[in-house]
């Protein structure tokens, strides 16, 4: 019984760790995207939007 509990606890901890890692990466992407850009060095057809959020990209 203890091995079963340990196995489920390990799976739960790994899921929490993966979710936290993904959330941190998404937060950092949003923070980077929201930073103002002072130099525009792209053509209009190749420019990636930097002020949009994930919901506006859909």
N, C-alpha and C. Protein backbone atom coordinates (compact mmCIF):
# COMPACT_ATOMS: atom_id res chain seq x y z
N UNK A 1 0.82 -1.20 0.00
CA UNK A 1 0.00 0.00 0.00
C UNK A 1 0.86 1.26 0.00
N UNK A 2 1.98 1.23 0.71
CA UNK A 2 2.84 2.40 0.79
C UNK A 2 3.48 2.68 -0.57
N UNK A 3 3.82 1.64 -1.32
CA UNK A 3 4.39 1.83 -2.64
C UNK A 3 3.39 2.48 -3.59
N UNK A 4 2.12 2.11 -3.46
CA UNK A 4 1.08 2.68 -4.29
C UNK A 4 0.90 4.17 -3.97
N UNK A 5 0.90 4.51 -2.70
CA UNK A 5 0.78 5.92 -2.28
C UNK A 5 1.98 6.71 -2.77
N UNK A 6 3.15 6.14 -2.64
CA UNK A 6 4.38 6.82 -3.08
C UNK A 6 4.36 7.06 -4.59
N UNK A 7 3.86 6.07 -5.34
CA UNK A 7 3.78 6.21 -6.80
C UNK A 7 2.82 7.33 -7.18
N UNK A 8 1.64 7.37 -6.59
CA UNK A 8 0.67 8.41 -6.90
C UNK A 8 1.16 9.79 -6.44
N UNK A 9 1.85 9.83 -5.33
CA UNK A 9 2.40 11.09 -4.86
C UNK A 9 3.47 11.60 -5.82
N UNK A 10 4.29 10.72 -6.34
CA UNK A 10 5.32 11.12 -7.30
C UNK A 10 4.69 11.62 -8.59
N UNK A 11 3.65 10.96 -9.07
CA UNK A 11 2.95 11.42 -10.28
C UNK A 11 2.33 12.79 -10.03
N UNK A 12 1.72 12.99 -8.88
CA UNK A 12 1.10 14.27 -8.54
C UNK A 12 2.15 15.38 -8.49
N UNK A 13 3.28 15.12 -7.87
CA UNK A 13 4.35 16.12 -7.77
C UNK A 13 4.90 16.45 -9.14
N UNK A 14 5.08 15.46 -10.01
CA UNK A 14 5.58 15.72 -11.36
C UNK A 14 4.59 16.53 -12.19
N UNK A 15 3.30 16.27 -12.01
CA UNK A 15 2.29 17.07 -12.72
C UNK A 15 2.30 18.51 -12.24
N UNK A 16 2.42 18.72 -10.94
CA UNK A 16 2.48 20.07 -10.39
C UNK A 16 3.73 20.77 -10.90
N UNK A 17 4.85 20.08 -10.93
CA UNK A 17 6.11 20.66 -11.41
C UNK A 17 6.02 21.06 -12.88
N UNK A 18 5.44 20.19 -13.71
CA UNK A 18 5.29 20.50 -15.13
C UNK A 18 4.35 21.68 -15.34
N UNK A 19 3.28 21.74 -14.58
CA UNK A 19 2.34 22.86 -14.70
C UNK A 19 3.00 24.16 -14.27
N UNK A 20 3.77 24.12 -13.19
CA UNK A 20 4.46 25.33 -12.73
C UNK A 20 5.50 25.79 -13.75
N UNK A 21 6.21 24.87 -14.35
CA UNK A 21 7.21 25.22 -15.35
C UNK A 21 6.55 25.85 -16.57
N UNK A 22 5.45 25.29 -17.03
CA UNK A 22 4.72 25.84 -18.17
C UNK A 22 4.15 27.22 -17.84
N UNK A 23 3.59 27.36 -16.65
CA UNK A 23 3.03 28.65 -16.24
C UNK A 23 4.08 29.73 -16.15
N UNK A 24 5.25 29.38 -15.62
CA UNK A 24 6.34 30.35 -15.53
C UNK A 24 6.81 30.78 -16.91
N UNK A 25 6.92 29.83 -17.82
CA UNK A 25 7.35 30.17 -19.18
C UNK A 25 6.32 31.05 -19.87
N UNK A 26 5.05 30.76 -19.71
CA UNK A 26 4.00 31.58 -20.33
C UNK A 26 4.00 32.99 -19.74
N UNK A 27 4.21 33.10 -18.44
CA UNK A 27 4.27 34.41 -17.79
C UNK A 27 5.45 35.23 -18.31
N UNK A 28 6.59 34.59 -18.46
CA UNK A 28 7.77 35.31 -18.95
C UNK A 28 7.60 35.75 -20.40
N UNK A 29 6.93 34.93 -21.22
CA UNK A 29 6.66 35.31 -22.60
C UNK A 29 5.75 36.54 -22.64
N UNK A 30 4.70 36.54 -21.80
CA UNK A 30 3.80 37.69 -21.75
C UNK A 30 4.52 38.94 -21.28
N UNK A 31 5.39 38.82 -20.28
CA UNK A 31 6.12 39.98 -19.79
C UNK A 31 7.07 40.52 -20.86
N UNK A 32 7.71 39.64 -21.59
CA UNK A 32 8.60 40.06 -22.67
C UNK A 32 7.81 40.72 -23.79
N UNK A 33 6.65 40.18 -24.08
CA UNK A 33 5.82 40.72 -25.15
C UNK A 33 5.29 42.10 -24.81
N UNK A 34 5.02 42.37 -23.54
CA UNK A 34 4.45 43.64 -23.12
C UNK A 34 5.49 44.76 -22.98
N UNK A 35 6.75 44.44 -23.07
CA UNK A 35 7.78 45.48 -22.97
C UNK A 35 7.71 46.36 -24.21
N UNK A 36 7.85 47.67 -24.02
CA UNK A 36 7.79 48.55 -25.19
C UNK A 36 9.04 48.39 -26.05
N UNK A 37 8.84 48.46 -27.34
CA UNK A 37 9.96 48.40 -28.27
C UNK A 37 10.18 49.79 -28.83
N UNK A 38 11.38 50.26 -28.77
CA UNK A 38 11.68 51.62 -29.21
C UNK A 38 12.16 51.64 -30.66
N UNK A 39 12.83 50.62 -31.09
CA UNK A 39 13.34 50.58 -32.46
C UNK A 39 12.55 49.56 -33.25
N UNK A 40 11.90 50.03 -34.29
CA UNK A 40 11.14 49.12 -35.15
C UNK A 40 12.04 48.80 -36.34
N UNK A 41 12.48 47.59 -36.42
CA UNK A 41 13.41 47.20 -37.48
C UNK A 41 12.87 46.03 -38.28
N UNK A 42 11.60 46.08 -38.62
CA UNK A 42 11.04 44.99 -39.42
C UNK A 42 10.14 45.58 -40.50
N UNK A 43 9.92 44.79 -41.53
CA UNK A 43 9.01 45.20 -42.59
C UNK A 43 7.59 44.87 -42.15
N UNK A 44 6.62 45.52 -42.73
CA UNK A 44 5.24 45.35 -42.28
C UNK A 44 4.72 43.93 -42.51
N UNK A 45 5.16 43.27 -43.54
CA UNK A 45 4.67 41.91 -43.79
C UNK A 45 5.38 40.87 -42.94
N UNK A 46 6.51 41.21 -42.34
CA UNK A 46 7.26 40.25 -41.52
C UNK A 46 7.21 40.58 -40.03
N UNK A 47 6.54 41.64 -39.65
CA UNK A 47 6.52 42.08 -38.26
C UNK A 47 5.64 41.15 -37.41
N UNK A 48 6.14 40.79 -36.26
CA UNK A 48 5.36 40.02 -35.31
C UNK A 48 4.79 41.00 -34.29
N UNK A 49 3.50 40.91 -33.97
CA UNK A 49 2.94 41.83 -33.00
C UNK A 49 3.56 41.62 -31.61
N UNK A 50 3.91 42.70 -30.95
CA UNK A 50 4.54 42.61 -29.64
C UNK A 50 3.64 43.10 -28.51
N UNK A 51 2.53 43.70 -28.84
CA UNK A 51 1.67 44.22 -27.79
C UNK A 51 0.44 43.36 -27.57
N UNK A 52 0.24 42.33 -28.34
CA UNK A 52 -0.94 41.49 -28.19
C UNK A 52 -0.76 40.47 -27.09
N UNK A 53 -1.86 39.92 -26.65
CA UNK A 53 -1.81 38.85 -25.66
C UNK A 53 -2.13 37.54 -26.37
N UNK A 54 -2.10 36.44 -25.62
CA UNK A 54 -2.36 35.15 -26.23
C UNK A 54 -3.79 35.07 -26.78
N UNK A 55 -4.75 35.69 -26.12
CA UNK A 55 -6.14 35.59 -26.57
C UNK A 55 -6.35 36.35 -27.87
N UNK A 56 -5.59 37.41 -28.12
CA UNK A 56 -5.79 38.16 -29.35
C UNK A 56 -5.10 37.51 -30.54
N UNK A 57 -4.28 36.51 -30.33
CA UNK A 57 -3.60 35.84 -31.43
C UNK A 57 -4.45 34.77 -32.10
N UNK A 58 -5.55 34.39 -31.46
CA UNK A 58 -6.39 33.34 -32.03
C UNK A 58 -7.18 33.78 -33.22
